[in-house]
Amino acid sequence: MHSNLLDLKDNSRKIRMKPDPRKRHLLKLKPHQKNPKPTIADRVKKKLDEPPSKKKQHSLPSYNNSIRFKKI
């Protein structure tokens, strides 16, 4: 009995291959939107893909030195 129910579910998935008209705006970009605004997820992914910049790493030792030799 259970296997029949599973088969029906699988068949219903196969039938529903048409794209959802409510999500059409996500699938097709309008011609004037060739460069869509990047989402927050895209920006985070881009930051993770980039290696950390060396400038930031060089600024840390000088910051530490200024604390170490600061007159109290």
N, C-alpha and C. Protein backbone atom coordinates (compact mmCIF):
# COMPACT_ATOMS: atom_id res chain seq x y z
N MET A 1 0.83 -1.21 0.00
CA MET A 1 0.00 0.00 0.00
C MET A 1 0.87 1.25 0.00
N HIS A 2 1.90 1.24 0.83
CA HIS A 2 2.77 2.42 0.91
C HIS A 2 3.52 2.64 -0.39
N SER A 3 3.95 1.56 -1.03
CA SER A 3 4.71 1.72 -2.27
C SER A 3 3.85 2.39 -3.35
N ASN A 4 2.55 2.07 -3.38
CA ASN A 4 1.67 2.71 -4.36
C ASN A 4 1.59 4.22 -4.12
N LEU A 5 1.51 4.61 -2.86
CA LEU A 5 1.45 6.04 -2.55
C LEU A 5 2.72 6.74 -3.01
N LEU A 6 3.87 6.09 -2.80
CA LEU A 6 5.13 6.69 -3.21
C LEU A 6 5.18 6.83 -4.73
N ASP A 7 4.68 5.81 -5.43
CA ASP A 7 4.67 5.88 -6.89
C ASP A 7 3.82 7.05 -7.37
N LEU A 8 2.69 7.25 -6.73
CA LEU A 8 1.82 8.36 -7.12
C LEU A 8 2.53 9.70 -6.91
N LYS A 9 3.25 9.81 -5.80
CA LYS A 9 3.97 11.06 -5.53
C LYS A 9 5.03 11.31 -6.60
N ASP A 10 5.76 10.26 -6.98
CA ASP A 10 6.80 10.42 -8.00
C ASP A 10 6.19 10.84 -9.33
N ASN A 11 5.06 10.25 -9.68
CA ASN A 11 4.40 10.61 -10.94
C ASN A 11 3.94 12.06 -10.91
N SER A 12 3.44 12.50 -9.78
CA SER A 12 2.96 13.88 -9.71
C SER A 12 4.13 14.85 -9.87
N ARG A 13 5.31 14.47 -9.38
CA ARG A 13 6.48 15.33 -9.56
C ARG A 13 6.85 15.43 -11.03
N LYS A 14 6.77 14.30 -11.74
CA LYS A 14 7.13 14.30 -13.16
C LYS A 14 6.18 15.17 -13.96
N ILE A 15 4.91 15.16 -13.60
CA ILE A 15 3.92 15.94 -14.34
C ILE A 15 4.17 17.44 -14.14
N ARG A 16 4.56 17.83 -12.93
CA ARG A 16 4.74 19.25 -12.62
C ARG A 16 6.11 19.77 -13.04
N MET A 17 6.50 19.55 -14.28
CA MET A 17 7.79 20.03 -14.73
C MET A 17 7.72 21.47 -15.25
N LYS A 18 6.51 21.97 -15.49
CA LYS A 18 6.40 23.35 -15.99
C LYS A 18 6.89 24.32 -14.93
N PRO A 19 7.61 25.37 -15.33
CA PRO A 19 8.04 26.35 -14.33
C PRO A 19 6.85 27.07 -13.72
N ASP A 20 6.96 27.35 -12.46
CA ASP A 20 5.89 28.02 -11.72
C ASP A 20 5.74 29.45 -12.23
N PRO A 21 4.56 29.84 -12.71
CA PRO A 21 4.41 31.21 -13.24
C PRO A 21 4.67 32.28 -12.19
N ARG A 22 4.48 31.94 -10.92
CA ARG A 22 4.74 32.93 -9.86
C ARG A 22 6.23 33.21 -9.72
N LYS A 23 7.06 32.25 -10.12
CA LYS A 23 8.51 32.43 -10.00
C LYS A 23 9.14 32.81 -11.34
N ARG A 24 8.32 33.20 -12.30
CA ARG A 24 8.83 33.53 -13.63
C ARG A 24 9.81 34.69 -13.56
N HIS A 25 9.53 35.66 -12.66
CA HIS A 25 10.41 36.83 -12.56
C HIS A 25 11.81 36.44 -12.06
N LEU A 26 11.92 35.29 -11.41
CA LEU A 26 13.25 34.85 -10.97
C LEU A 26 14.00 34.16 -12.10
N LEU A 27 13.26 33.50 -12.98
CA LEU A 27 13.90 32.74 -14.05
C LEU A 27 14.38 33.63 -15.19
N LYS A 28 13.53 34.56 -15.61
CA LYS A 28 13.86 35.40 -16.76
C LYS A 28 14.17 36.81 -16.31
N LEU A 29 15.33 37.31 -16.68
CA LEU A 29 15.65 38.71 -16.41
C LEU A 29 15.14 39.55 -17.57
N LYS A 30 14.60 40.69 -17.26
CA LYS A 30 14.16 41.59 -18.31
C LYS A 30 15.39 42.13 -19.05
N PRO A 31 15.25 42.50 -20.33
CA PRO A 31 16.42 42.92 -21.12
C PRO A 31 17.19 44.07 -20.48
N HIS A 32 16.50 44.99 -19.79
CA HIS A 32 17.23 46.12 -19.22
C HIS A 32 17.93 45.76 -17.91
N GLN A 33 17.72 44.53 -17.42
CA GLN A 33 18.36 44.11 -16.18
C GLN A 33 19.47 43.11 -16.48
N LYS A 34 20.42 43.48 -17.32
CA LYS A 34 21.49 42.55 -17.65
C LYS A 34 22.41 42.33 -16.46
N ASN A 35 22.65 43.38 -15.68
CA ASN A 35 23.48 43.26 -14.49
C ASN A 35 22.61 43.46 -13.26
N PRO A 36 22.02 42.37 -12.75
CA PRO A 36 21.15 42.52 -11.59
C PRO A 36 21.96 42.91 -10.36
N LYS A 37 21.32 43.58 -9.42
CA LYS A 37 21.99 44.00 -8.18
C LYS A 37 22.36 42.74 -7.40
N PRO A 38 23.62 42.61 -6.97
CA PRO A 38 24.01 41.39 -6.25
C PRO A 38 23.31 41.30 -4.91
N THR A 39 22.87 40.10 -4.59
CA THR A 39 22.21 39.89 -3.30
C THR A 39 23.27 39.79 -2.21
N ILE A 40 22.83 39.79 -0.97
CA ILE A 40 23.77 39.70 0.15
C ILE A 40 24.52 38.38 0.08
N ALA A 41 23.82 37.31 -0.28
CA ALA A 41 24.47 36.00 -0.38
C ALA A 41 25.58 36.02 -1.43
N ASP A 42 25.32 36.70 -2.58
CA ASP A 42 26.34 36.80 -3.62
C ASP A 42 27.56 37.55 -3.10
N ARG A 43 27.32 38.64 -2.35
CA ARG A 43 28.43 39.44 -1.84
C ARG A 43 29.27 38.65 -0.86
N VAL A 44 28.60 37.88 0.01
CA VAL A 44 29.33 37.08 1.00
C VAL A 44 30.16 36.02 0.29
N LYS A 45 29.57 35.39 -0.72
CA LYS A 45 30.29 34.35 -1.47
C LYS A 45 31.51 34.95 -2.16
N LYS A 46 31.35 36.16 -2.72
CA LYS A 46 32.46 36.82 -3.40
C LYS A 46 33.59 37.10 -2.41
N LYS A 47 33.23 37.56 -1.20
CA LYS A 47 34.25 37.85 -0.19
C LYS A 47 34.97 36.57 0.22
N LEU A 48 34.24 35.47 0.32
CA LEU A 48 34.86 34.21 0.72
C LEU A 48 35.78 33.68 -0.37
N ASP A 49 35.42 33.92 -1.64
CA ASP A 49 36.23 33.44 -2.75
C ASP A 49 37.54 34.21 -2.85
N GLU A 50 37.52 35.52 -2.52
CA GLU A 50 38.72 36.34 -2.64
C GLU A 50 39.70 36.01 -1.52
N PRO A 51 41.00 35.93 -1.84
CA PRO A 51 41.97 35.76 -0.75
C PRO A 51 42.04 37.03 0.08
N PRO A 52 42.34 36.94 1.36
CA PRO A 52 42.38 38.16 2.18
C PRO A 52 43.45 39.11 1.68
N SER A 53 43.15 40.39 1.66
CA SER A 53 44.09 41.37 1.12
C SER A 53 45.28 41.51 2.06
N LYS A 54 46.46 41.77 1.47
CA LYS A 54 47.68 41.85 2.26
C LYS A 54 47.75 43.16 3.04
N LYS A 55 47.08 44.19 2.57
CA LYS A 55 47.11 45.48 3.26
C LYS A 55 46.59 45.33 4.69
N LYS A 56 45.51 44.61 4.85
CA LYS A 56 44.93 44.44 6.18
C LYS A 56 45.92 43.71 7.09
N GLN A 57 46.60 42.71 6.56
CA GLN A 57 47.54 41.94 7.38
C GLN A 57 48.73 42.80 7.80
N HIS A 58 49.17 43.73 6.93
CA HIS A 58 50.31 44.58 7.27
C HIS A 58 49.93 45.63 8.30
N SER A 59 48.68 46.02 8.34
CA SER A 59 48.29 47.07 9.28
C SER A 59 48.23 46.54 10.71
N LEU A 60 48.08 45.23 10.88
CA LEU A 60 47.96 44.69 12.23
C LEU A 60 49.26 44.82 13.05
N PRO A 61 50.44 44.48 12.53
CA PRO A 61 51.66 44.60 13.34
C PRO A 61 51.91 46.03 13.81
N SER A 62 51.69 47.02 12.95
CA SER A 62 51.93 48.40 13.36
C SER A 62 50.96 48.79 14.48
N TYR A 63 49.76 48.29 14.41
CA TYR A 63 48.78 48.57 15.47
C TYR A 63 49.26 47.94 16.78
N ASN A 64 49.77 46.72 16.71
CA ASN A 64 50.27 46.05 17.91
C ASN A 64 51.50 46.78 18.47
N ASN A 65 52.39 47.25 17.59
CA ASN A 65 53.59 47.95 18.04
C ASN A 65 53.22 49.22 18.77
N SER A 66 52.25 49.93 18.27
CA SER A 66 51.86 51.19 18.92
C SER A 66 51.33 50.93 20.33
N ILE A 67 50.69 49.81 20.54
CA ILE A 67 50.20 49.49 21.88
C ILE A 67 51.37 49.07 22.77
N ARG A 68 52.28 48.28 22.22
CA ARG A 68 53.37 47.72 23.00
C ARG A 68 54.30 48.82 23.54
N PHE A 69 54.58 49.84 22.71
CA PHE A 69 55.53 50.88 23.10
C PHE A 69 54.85 52.14 23.60
N LYS A 70 53.59 52.04 23.89
CA LYS A 70 52.86 53.22 24.37
C LYS A 70 53.32 53.56 25.79
N LYS A 71 53.59 54.84 26.04
CA LYS A 71 54.02 55.26 27.39
C LYS A 71 52.81 55.33 28.29
N ILE A 72 52.94 54.75 29.45
CA ILE A 72 51.81 54.73 30.39
C ILE A 72 51.97 55.87 31.39
